Protein backbone atom coordinates (compact mmCIF):
# COMPACT_ATOMS: atom_id res chain seq x y z
CA MET A 1 202.65 -104.25 285.00
CA ARG A 2 204.91 -101.82 287.60
CA HIS A 3 204.50 -102.51 291.15
CA ILE A 4 205.63 -99.93 293.93
CA SER A 5 205.60 -100.93 297.67
CA LEU A 6 206.35 -98.55 300.67
CA SER A 7 209.62 -100.16 301.68
CA THR A 8 211.22 -99.42 298.44
CA LEU A 9 209.65 -96.57 297.56
CA ALA A 10 212.45 -94.37 297.77
CA ILE A 11 214.58 -97.05 294.84
CA ALA A 12 211.32 -97.17 292.61
CA CYS A 13 211.37 -93.17 292.34
CA ALA A 14 215.19 -92.97 291.73
CA ALA A 15 214.98 -95.47 288.97
CA ALA A 16 211.91 -93.72 287.52
CA ILE A 17 214.05 -90.35 285.83
CA ALA A 18 213.33 -89.73 281.96
CA THR A 19 215.84 -92.00 279.92
CA THR A 20 217.31 -91.17 276.44
CA THR A 21 214.71 -93.59 274.13
CA ALA A 22 216.34 -95.71 271.21
CA GLY A 23 217.07 -94.67 268.51
CA ALA A 24 216.55 -90.88 266.74
CA THR A 25 213.72 -89.21 268.24
CA PRO A 26 212.00 -86.48 265.54
CA SER A 27 212.52 -82.71 266.64
CA SER A 28 209.05 -82.53 266.77
CA ASP A 29 208.78 -85.11 269.51
CA ARG A 30 211.83 -83.44 271.16
CA THR A 31 211.39 -81.04 274.55
CA GLU A 32 212.66 -77.49 274.18
CA LEU A 33 214.85 -76.14 276.50
CA THR A 34 215.38 -72.52 276.89
CA VAL A 35 218.34 -71.53 279.50
CA TYR A 36 219.24 -67.91 280.68
CA ARG A 37 223.01 -67.32 281.40
CA SER A 38 223.59 -67.23 285.18
CA ASP A 39 227.08 -67.38 287.28
CA HIS A 40 225.04 -68.65 290.90
CA ALA A 41 227.72 -70.28 292.40
CA SER A 42 225.72 -73.07 293.81
CA LEU A 43 224.92 -74.02 290.49
CA PHE A 44 228.58 -74.87 289.19
CA ASN A 45 230.24 -76.18 291.97
CA ALA A 46 230.30 -79.32 293.75
CA GLY A 47 227.71 -79.37 296.87
CA ASP A 48 225.54 -82.21 298.92
CA GLY A 49 223.24 -82.99 295.59
CA ALA A 50 220.25 -80.92 296.70
CA HIS A 51 218.29 -79.35 293.69
CA VAL A 52 219.33 -75.66 293.72
CA ASN A 53 216.42 -72.89 293.67
CA ALA A 54 218.84 -70.74 290.89
CA GLY A 55 219.21 -70.22 287.09
CA TYR A 56 216.15 -69.81 284.68
CA ALA A 57 215.16 -72.04 281.90
CA VAL A 58 212.04 -72.22 279.96
CA ALA A 59 211.06 -75.58 278.83
CA ARG A 60 208.42 -76.81 276.05
CA GLU A 61 207.97 -80.35 276.79
CA PRO A 62 205.25 -82.73 274.14
CA ARG A 63 203.11 -84.95 275.82
CA ARG A 64 200.47 -87.46 274.75
CA LEU A 65 197.01 -87.56 276.99
CA GLU A 66 194.85 -90.39 276.99
CA LEU A 67 191.50 -88.60 276.68
CA LYS A 68 187.78 -89.67 278.00
CA SER A 69 185.06 -87.60 276.37
CA GLY A 70 184.01 -85.00 278.93
CA VAL A 71 185.31 -83.63 282.23
CA GLN A 72 188.23 -85.91 283.33
CA ASP A 73 191.21 -85.23 286.00
CA LEU A 74 194.63 -85.91 284.44
CA SER A 75 198.30 -85.87 286.32
CA LEU A 76 201.70 -84.98 284.48
CA GLY A 77 204.56 -86.01 286.39
CA GLY A 78 208.35 -85.71 286.08
CA LEU A 79 208.59 -81.97 286.92
CA PRO A 80 211.66 -80.84 288.30
CA ALA A 81 211.82 -79.42 291.91
CA TYR A 82 211.57 -75.52 291.57
CA LEU A 83 208.89 -74.10 289.33
CA ASP A 84 206.91 -70.66 288.39
CA THR A 85 203.96 -72.30 289.44
CA GLU A 86 201.55 -68.79 287.40
CA ALA A 87 203.55 -69.70 283.91
CA LEU A 88 202.69 -73.09 283.51
CA ALA A 89 200.50 -73.43 280.33
CA LEU A 90 199.28 -76.88 278.52
CA SER A 91 198.11 -76.06 275.06
CA VAL A 92 196.47 -79.05 273.39
CA GLU A 93 196.99 -80.00 269.80
CA GLY A 94 193.67 -79.24 267.90
CA ASP A 95 191.77 -77.81 270.93
CA ALA A 96 191.24 -81.57 271.78
CA ALA A 97 190.77 -80.79 275.67
CA LYS A 98 189.95 -77.52 277.60
CA VAL A 99 191.91 -77.41 280.82
CA LEU A 100 189.39 -76.20 283.59
CA SER A 101 191.56 -75.78 286.51
CA GLN A 102 195.32 -76.69 287.38
CA ARG A 103 197.24 -78.04 290.85
CA LEU A 104 200.82 -77.90 291.46
CA ARG A 105 201.52 -80.88 293.88
CA LEU A 106 205.42 -80.98 295.04
CA GLY A 107 207.61 -83.88 294.50
CA GLN A 108 208.20 -84.82 298.23
CA GLY A 109 208.79 -88.43 300.11
CA GLN A 110 205.96 -91.19 299.18
CA ASP A 111 203.29 -89.30 297.28
CA ALA A 112 205.46 -87.77 294.22
CA ALA A 113 205.44 -91.13 293.06
CA LEU A 114 201.75 -92.07 293.74
CA GLY A 115 200.48 -88.75 292.45
CA SER A 116 201.72 -89.31 288.95
CA LEU A 117 199.58 -92.24 288.86
CA VAL A 118 195.73 -89.86 289.05
CA GLY A 119 193.39 -90.68 286.59
CA GLN A 120 195.35 -93.97 286.10
CA PRO A 121 194.35 -97.48 286.16
CA ILE A 122 195.72 -99.09 289.31
CA GLU A 123 195.80 -102.40 291.88
CA VAL A 124 196.19 -101.48 295.63
CA ILE A 125 197.88 -104.47 297.08
CA GLY A 126 197.65 -105.56 301.09
CA ASN A 127 200.10 -106.37 303.34
CA SER A 128 199.41 -110.47 302.82
CA GLY A 129 199.95 -110.10 298.91
CA GLN A 130 195.96 -109.85 298.48
CA PRO A 131 194.14 -107.46 296.02
CA LEU A 132 192.60 -104.17 298.22
CA ALA A 133 191.42 -102.48 295.12
CA SER A 134 191.59 -101.89 291.41
CA GLY A 135 190.29 -98.73 289.56
CA THR A 136 191.12 -95.36 288.60
CA LEU A 137 192.92 -93.22 291.26
CA LEU A 138 191.52 -90.68 292.26
CA ARG A 139 193.74 -88.86 294.99
CA ALA A 140 196.90 -90.52 296.63
CA GLY A 141 197.52 -87.76 299.62
CA ASN A 142 196.04 -88.70 303.39
CA GLY A 143 195.34 -92.05 301.68
CA LEU A 144 193.93 -93.57 298.24
CA LEU A 145 190.87 -93.19 296.63
CA VAL A 146 190.33 -95.33 294.12
CA SER A 147 186.95 -95.80 291.93
CA ASP A 148 186.25 -99.21 290.33
CA ALA A 149 184.58 -99.64 287.41
CA ALA A 150 181.05 -100.21 288.81
CA GLY A 151 181.49 -96.42 290.05
CA ASN A 152 182.16 -97.33 293.87
CA THR A 153 184.76 -95.26 295.37
CA SER A 154 187.10 -96.59 298.45
CA LEU A 155 189.30 -94.58 300.36
CA ILE A 156 192.36 -96.91 301.64
CA ARG A 157 194.47 -95.71 304.20
CA GLU A 158 196.32 -99.72 305.41
CA TYR A 159 197.99 -101.06 301.91
CA ALA A 160 201.84 -102.39 301.19
CA ALA A 161 201.97 -101.64 297.51
CA VAL A 162 200.54 -100.24 294.18
CA ARG A 163 200.73 -101.66 291.00
CA ALA A 164 200.19 -99.76 287.94
CA ARG A 165 200.86 -100.16 284.08
CA GLY A 166 204.37 -98.29 282.90
CA ASN A 167 206.68 -96.05 284.85
CA PHE A 168 206.23 -94.16 288.00
CA ASN A 169 206.91 -90.46 287.60
CA THR A 170 209.01 -88.85 290.39
CA GLY A 171 209.60 -85.32 290.59
CA SER A 172 206.69 -82.39 290.90
CA SER A 173 203.27 -83.30 289.27
CA LEU A 174 200.56 -81.09 287.21
CA GLU A 175 197.22 -82.27 288.19
CA MET A 176 194.61 -81.06 285.87
CA ARG A 177 190.99 -81.34 285.65
CA VAL A 178 190.10 -81.39 281.57
CA ASP A 179 186.89 -81.34 278.95
CA ALA A 180 187.53 -83.22 276.15
CA GLY A 181 185.13 -83.33 272.76
CA ARG A 182 186.07 -87.16 272.44
CA ALA A 183 188.16 -89.87 273.76
CA GLY A 184 191.29 -90.21 272.42
CA THR A 185 194.80 -90.10 272.25
CA ALA A 186 195.78 -85.91 272.12
CA LYS A 187 199.19 -84.63 271.53
CA ALA A 188 199.49 -81.25 273.89
CA THR A 189 202.98 -79.14 274.96
CA LEU A 190 203.42 -78.11 278.39
CA SER A 191 205.58 -75.10 278.97
CA TYR A 192 206.90 -73.75 282.27
CA PRO A 193 209.96 -71.50 283.55
CA THR A 194 212.11 -73.54 286.16
CA ALA A 195 214.97 -73.32 288.35
CA GLY A 196 217.79 -75.34 288.50
CA LEU A 197 219.33 -74.94 285.30
CA GLY A 198 222.06 -72.06 283.76
CA TRP A 199 224.76 -71.84 281.70
CA ARG A 200 228.10 -69.75 281.42
CA ALA A 201 230.78 -69.19 278.83
CA ALA A 202 233.78 -70.97 279.88
CA TYR A 203 237.07 -69.96 278.38
CA VAL A 204 240.76 -71.56 277.62
CA GLY A 205 243.54 -69.30 275.95
CA THR A 206 246.64 -70.67 275.56
CA LEU A 207 249.70 -68.03 275.21
CA SER A 208 251.86 -68.45 272.14
CA SER A 209 255.48 -68.63 272.66
CA GLY A 210 257.73 -65.74 271.48
CA ASN A 211 257.45 -61.59 271.89
CA SER A 212 254.34 -61.17 270.04
CA CYS A 213 250.93 -61.84 272.01
CA LYS A 214 249.00 -64.51 270.65
CA LEU A 215 246.22 -66.69 271.89
CA GLN A 216 244.88 -69.73 270.77
CA PHE A 217 241.15 -69.35 272.41
CA GLU A 218 238.87 -71.82 273.25
CA SER A 219 235.44 -71.37 273.56
CA ARG A 220 232.53 -73.52 275.01
CA ALA A 221 229.19 -73.12 277.07
CA SER A 222 229.01 -74.97 280.54
CA ILE A 223 225.40 -75.92 281.36
CA ALA A 224 224.64 -76.57 284.91
CA ASN A 225 221.58 -79.17 286.21
CA ARG A 226 220.77 -78.85 289.71
CA SER A 227 217.06 -79.03 288.76
CA GLY A 228 215.90 -82.28 290.02
CA ARG A 229 215.54 -84.10 286.51
CA ASP A 230 216.94 -85.38 283.69
CA TRP A 231 216.83 -83.86 280.56
CA SER A 232 217.20 -86.40 277.48
CA ASN A 233 217.46 -86.17 273.96
CA THR A 234 216.46 -82.18 274.27
CA GLN A 235 216.83 -79.46 271.94
CA LEU A 236 218.94 -76.40 273.69
CA MET A 237 218.57 -72.61 273.34
CA LEU A 238 221.08 -70.51 275.38
CA VAL A 239 220.22 -66.95 275.87
CA ALA A 240 223.22 -64.37 276.61
CA GLY A 241 222.42 -61.29 278.34
CA GLU A 242 220.47 -59.95 281.25
CA PRO A 243 216.06 -60.45 281.67
CA GLN A 244 214.64 -58.67 284.53
CA PHE A 245 213.09 -60.68 286.81
CA ALA A 246 210.21 -59.14 288.92
CA LYS A 247 209.04 -61.73 291.67
CA ALA A 248 211.07 -62.61 294.25
CA SER A 249 208.97 -66.18 294.07
CA ALA A 250 210.17 -67.18 290.59
CA PRO A 251 213.10 -69.10 289.73
CA ARG A 252 216.39 -67.09 289.80
CA PRO A 253 219.07 -66.84 287.72
CA MET A 254 221.90 -66.10 289.85
CA MET A 255 227.01 -80.02 291.19
CA ALA A 256 226.91 -82.62 292.87
CA GLY A 257 228.63 -85.37 290.69
CA VAL A 258 231.97 -84.83 287.99
CA ALA A 259 231.73 -82.91 285.15
CA TYR A 260 229.96 -84.55 282.25
CA ARG A 261 230.16 -83.85 278.43
CA ALA A 262 226.83 -83.41 276.86
CA LYS A 263 225.89 -85.90 273.91
CA ALA A 264 225.61 -84.11 271.02
CA ASP A 265 223.88 -85.01 267.07
CA SER A 266 226.47 -83.20 265.55
CA ALA A 267 230.29 -81.25 265.78
CA GLU A 268 228.63 -78.16 264.25
CA MET A 269 229.00 -75.07 266.04
CA PRO A 270 225.67 -73.37 267.42
CA GLN A 271 223.39 -71.29 265.53
CA GLN A 272 223.42 -67.32 266.41
CA SER A 273 219.99 -65.37 266.39
CA THR A 274 218.83 -62.14 268.64
CA LEU A 275 215.60 -62.50 270.95
CA ALA A 276 214.69 -58.97 271.33
CA ASP A 277 217.71 -57.66 273.46
CA TYR A 278 219.42 -60.60 274.20
CA ARG A 279 221.43 -62.82 271.67
CA THR A 280 220.76 -66.72 271.43
CA TYR A 281 222.78 -69.67 270.53
CA THR A 282 220.80 -72.76 269.14
CA LEU A 283 222.60 -76.13 269.48
CA PRO A 284 222.49 -78.12 266.38
CA GLY A 285 221.86 -81.53 267.38
CA ALA A 286 219.96 -82.71 270.96
CA VAL A 287 221.72 -83.37 274.10
CA ASP A 288 221.92 -84.96 277.13
CA LEU A 289 221.71 -82.97 280.59
CA PRO A 290 221.60 -85.21 283.51
CA ASP A 291 220.69 -83.83 287.23
CA GLY A 292 223.64 -83.23 289.08
CA SER A 293 226.41 -82.41 286.09
CA VAL A 294 227.76 -79.54 284.28
CA SER A 295 227.87 -79.91 280.54
CA GLN A 296 230.00 -78.32 278.09
CA VAL A 297 229.17 -77.73 274.46
CA PRO A 298 231.60 -75.60 272.00
CA LEU A 299 230.42 -72.26 271.48
CA TYR A 300 232.86 -71.02 268.89
CA ALA A 301 235.22 -72.72 267.00
CA THR A 302 238.95 -72.41 268.38
CA ARG A 303 240.87 -70.07 267.00
CA SER A 304 244.10 -68.25 267.33
CA ILE A 305 243.75 -64.17 268.22
CA ASP A 306 246.13 -61.15 269.12
CA CYS A 307 246.15 -60.19 272.42
CA GLU A 308 247.99 -57.87 274.90
CA ARG A 309 250.07 -58.68 277.86
CA THR A 310 250.22 -55.55 280.41
CA LEU A 311 252.15 -55.11 283.82
CA VAL A 312 250.49 -51.85 285.53
CA TYR A 313 251.08 -50.12 288.37
CA GLU A 314 247.91 -47.96 289.74
CA THR A 315 247.43 -45.79 292.68
CA GLY A 316 244.25 -44.06 293.24
CA GLY A 317 241.22 -43.95 291.52
CA ASN A 318 238.17 -41.93 289.70
CA TRP A 319 236.57 -40.28 292.39
CA LEU A 320 236.74 -36.90 292.78
CA PRO A 321 236.32 -35.17 296.10
CA PRO A 322 233.01 -32.04 296.25
CA GLN A 323 235.66 -29.79 297.04
CA PRO A 324 239.63 -29.11 296.91
CA MET A 325 241.45 -31.69 299.75
CA ILE A 326 244.01 -29.63 300.91
CA ASN A 327 245.62 -31.91 303.63
CA ARG A 328 249.25 -32.93 303.01
CA ASP A 329 248.70 -36.49 303.92
CA PHE A 330 246.30 -37.04 301.76
CA ASN A 331 246.30 -39.80 298.90
CA GLN A 332 250.09 -41.03 300.07
CA GLY A 333 249.48 -44.75 299.37
CA GLY A 334 250.21 -47.12 296.41
CA GLY A 335 251.25 -49.91 297.61
CA SER A 336 254.20 -51.91 296.23
CA THR A 337 252.26 -54.99 294.12
CA ILE A 338 252.74 -54.65 290.09
CA THR A 339 249.68 -56.64 288.36
CA SER A 340 249.50 -58.70 285.13
CA SER A 341 246.65 -58.28 282.90
CA LEU A 342 245.49 -59.01 279.45
CA ARG A 343 243.37 -57.31 276.37
CA LEU A 344 241.94 -59.33 273.75
CA ARG A 345 239.13 -57.88 271.18
CA ALA A 346 235.93 -59.98 270.29
CA PHE A 347 235.88 -61.55 267.28
CA ASP A 348 232.59 -62.23 267.81
CA SER A 349 229.78 -61.37 270.47
CA LEU A 350 231.34 -63.03 273.65
CA PRO A 351 229.23 -64.26 275.95
CA ALA A 352 229.96 -63.56 279.96
CA GLY A 353 231.96 -66.50 281.17
CA TYR A 354 235.56 -66.83 283.09
CA LEU A 355 238.67 -67.10 280.79
CA ARG A 356 241.74 -69.11 282.34
CA VAL A 357 244.65 -68.55 280.40
CA LEU A 358 247.54 -70.95 279.89
CA THR A 359 251.14 -70.81 278.79
CA ALA A 360 253.96 -72.94 278.43
CA ASP A 361 256.77 -73.90 280.72
CA ARG A 362 260.35 -74.63 279.85
CA ASN A 363 259.73 -78.44 278.83
CA GLY A 364 256.28 -76.97 276.75
CA THR A 365 253.74 -78.31 279.30
CA PRO A 366 250.98 -75.69 279.37
CA GLN A 367 250.60 -74.49 283.02
CA PHE A 368 247.62 -72.22 284.34
CA ILE A 369 248.78 -68.53 285.15
CA GLY A 370 245.45 -66.71 286.26
CA GLU A 371 241.91 -66.39 285.66
CA GLY A 372 239.24 -63.61 285.27
CA ARG A 373 235.85 -62.66 283.98
CA ILE A 374 234.63 -61.80 280.92
CA ALA A 375 231.79 -59.58 280.76
CA ASP A 376 229.09 -59.49 277.88
CA THR A 377 231.24 -58.01 275.49
CA PRO A 378 230.08 -57.33 272.02
CA LYS A 379 232.19 -58.01 268.94
CA GLY A 380 235.08 -55.79 268.24
CA SER A 381 235.28 -54.62 272.05
CA ASP A 382 237.93 -55.32 274.41
CA ALA A 383 237.78 -57.47 277.08
CA ASN A 384 240.03 -56.87 280.28
CA ILE A 385 241.19 -59.45 282.73
CA THR A 386 243.77 -59.30 285.48
CA LEU A 387 246.16 -62.47 285.28
CA GLY A 388 247.87 -62.24 289.25
CA THR A 389 250.41 -60.24 290.72
CA ALA A 390 254.18 -60.49 289.25
CA PHE A 391 256.46 -61.94 291.12
CA ASP A 392 259.55 -60.56 290.25
CA LEU A 393 258.54 -56.39 290.28
CA ARG A 394 258.05 -54.13 292.79
CA ALA A 395 256.92 -50.37 293.40
CA THR A 396 257.59 -47.40 295.52
CA ARG A 397 255.88 -44.03 295.58
CA GLU A 398 256.83 -41.19 297.67
CA ARG A 399 255.88 -37.81 297.51
CA THR A 400 258.77 -35.50 296.91
CA GLU A 401 256.57 -32.33 296.94
CA PHE A 402 253.64 -30.39 298.31
CA LYS A 403 253.01 -26.67 298.23
CA LEU A 404 249.41 -25.20 299.08
CA ASP A 405 248.82 -21.56 297.92
CA LYS A 406 245.31 -20.85 299.61
CA ALA A 407 245.10 -17.24 298.51
CA GLY A 408 246.47 -18.26 295.41
CA ARG A 409 243.74 -21.06 295.05
CA SER A 410 246.51 -23.45 293.73
CA MET A 411 248.01 -26.44 295.31
CA ASP A 412 251.39 -28.42 293.83
CA GLU A 413 252.00 -32.04 294.18
CA ALA A 414 254.97 -34.06 292.82
CA PHE A 415 255.45 -37.67 293.12
CA ARG A 416 258.60 -40.31 292.33
CA ILE A 417 257.82 -43.85 291.67
CA THR A 418 260.87 -46.28 291.68
CA LEU A 419 260.46 -49.73 289.90
CA THR A 420 262.55 -52.31 290.70
CA ASN A 421 263.06 -55.90 288.34
CA ALA A 422 264.85 -59.09 289.83
CA GLY A 423 263.97 -61.05 286.96
CA ASP A 424 266.57 -61.51 284.31
CA THR A 425 264.51 -59.89 281.40
CA ALA A 426 263.54 -56.54 281.13
CA ARG A 427 259.71 -55.44 281.64
CA THR A 428 257.95 -52.59 281.07
CA VAL A 429 255.20 -51.30 283.52
CA THR A 430 252.26 -49.50 282.75
CA VAL A 431 252.04 -46.52 285.86
CA ARG A 432 248.56 -45.41 285.97
CA GLU A 433 248.20 -42.15 288.39
CA HIS A 434 244.75 -40.41 289.44
CA PRO A 435 245.58 -36.75 289.94
CA ASN A 436 242.30 -36.38 292.57
CA ARG A 437 242.93 -33.81 294.69
CA TRP A 438 240.70 -31.38 293.04
CA ARG A 439 238.86 -31.79 289.13
CA GLU A 440 240.98 -29.34 287.95
CA TRP A 441 244.95 -29.72 287.25
CA THR A 442 247.71 -29.63 284.77
CA LEU A 443 250.79 -31.71 284.60
CA LEU A 444 253.76 -29.40 284.90
CA SER A 445 256.91 -31.85 284.72
CA SER A 446 257.65 -35.17 284.18
CA SER A 447 260.87 -37.42 283.84
CA SER A 448 258.90 -39.44 280.61
CA LYS A 449 256.47 -38.59 278.17
CA PRO A 450 252.85 -39.42 279.17
CA SER A 451 251.01 -42.46 277.03
CA GLU A 452 247.81 -41.02 277.54
CA GLN A 453 246.17 -38.24 279.54
CA LYS A 454 242.63 -37.48 280.85
CA PRO A 455 240.83 -35.46 283.17
CA ASP A 456 241.26 -38.19 285.63
CA LEU A 457 244.09 -40.16 284.60
CA LEU A 458 247.94 -39.72 284.32
CA GLU A 459 249.47 -43.07 282.09
CA PHE A 460 253.22 -43.36 281.47
CA ARG A 461 254.91 -46.42 280.36
CA ILE A 462 258.42 -47.23 282.08
CA ASP A 463 260.89 -49.40 280.80
CA VAL A 464 262.73 -51.57 283.63
CA PRO A 465 266.15 -53.01 283.12
CA ALA A 466 266.76 -56.85 284.23
CA ASP A 467 267.91 -56.96 287.71
CA GLY A 468 267.78 -53.37 287.85
CA LYS A 469 265.35 -50.28 288.60
CA ALA A 470 263.66 -47.30 286.87
CA THR A 471 262.26 -43.94 288.29
CA LEU A 472 259.16 -41.78 287.24
CA ASP A 473 259.05 -38.30 288.57
CA TYR A 474 256.03 -36.29 287.69
CA ALA A 475 254.31 -32.61 288.95
CA VAL A 476 251.16 -31.45 288.85
CA ARG A 477 249.32 -28.06 289.91
CA TYR A 478 245.68 -27.88 290.76
CA ARG A 479 243.42 -24.63 291.12
CA TRP A 480 240.16 -23.60 291.65
CA GLY A 481 237.82 -20.93 291.87
CA GLU A 482 236.43 -18.22 294.64
CA ALA A 483 233.41 -20.48 295.34
CA GLU A 484 235.11 -23.39 294.99
CA GLN A 485 237.48 -22.13 298.32
CA PRO A 486 238.32 -25.08 301.23
CA GLN A 487 237.74 -23.51 304.36
């Protein structure tokens, strides 16, 4: 027999979250949870411990219903804080009962625990410990409505405690009116979408020593739970991709506590499959996801993969003007920084997430050198991230020639790019220029042969000696038609 008083209600609510049952649980009795990918910062960042209306998951919970014959009211408690109320569904095995109507009662204050007892036998205790009423709880808001064995109904507004068998459920609760064909225990499945749950990939790449680019690549799934309840002994499926969500009121795929490693029944990797246009990862064993935690599970086995590191100096972009830009001072910029980037080829489909890159220092200790986001990357495609700004490398860019022949509908422009290296190792810098005064242009000359040339790109690879400098000179000519002549 459990007892709840007004003064200890908060403690009872906090202690009543579901816990993992002792011993192995048959898979048919486990909650199935499908969690969709989300990058929403509120899910993964430490905060005030509040529930979060972000992320998206679909739960399928096994429930047991104690039924009487005929029409009756039931309450299913322990639900998360944010639900899509229009998508709640209860299916009863063997059509033992039919749901006539349902109401979601949000888990707030005293009624969160008491509301979960609707339809169950209770005993109401007065301030002096005397029993005030006993019977079936019909209503828990604005007083207690209790029906006794003789069919009498009492409304009780002043009381000290409520005693009931079993545990008080916390969180939101679903109140239902059902029609059962016969009395007895029936198995049911409660399905609903909820917010407060989301996942994303977490990658760690450790660069090997030597001149070649090799990464020791670790892949994990980070699963955030800010839903307002624990998920214990749960069968988990992760969905990679971006389904569309039309309802603004529905949970959105957008921590309190420290990072927590999920308990898994098996060290095997998740099983991959497809779901319509999306990729799924089903974990091989049950996991626990405590409320206010970020759990991590393996996504792929750790492996060594090839990569490519690039130092990039880039100016301009692929924007094209509506007419030739004949102003001499157009697009003079370029800055002085040179960025370090990393490219790798996906050995399998890589869900979106963040890659942290490490390399060993002179003592052999792995140190962080940059982090970037990997978008959803199909197998065989390239993933590119920017690691940071190179410390010893700088660049300057100056226009060395500009000549406009408006009558001849042409324009010549030349640049000199000077690269300096203050380090003690020779470096190769990739210079990316985007001639964008007009869409039609040709390369007239260059001091180095381009490594790549496209309609919106000129790329050069320039070797810069240690403690030295190198220069790149190039010139382009723009041409346009009579109808495109600028005013």
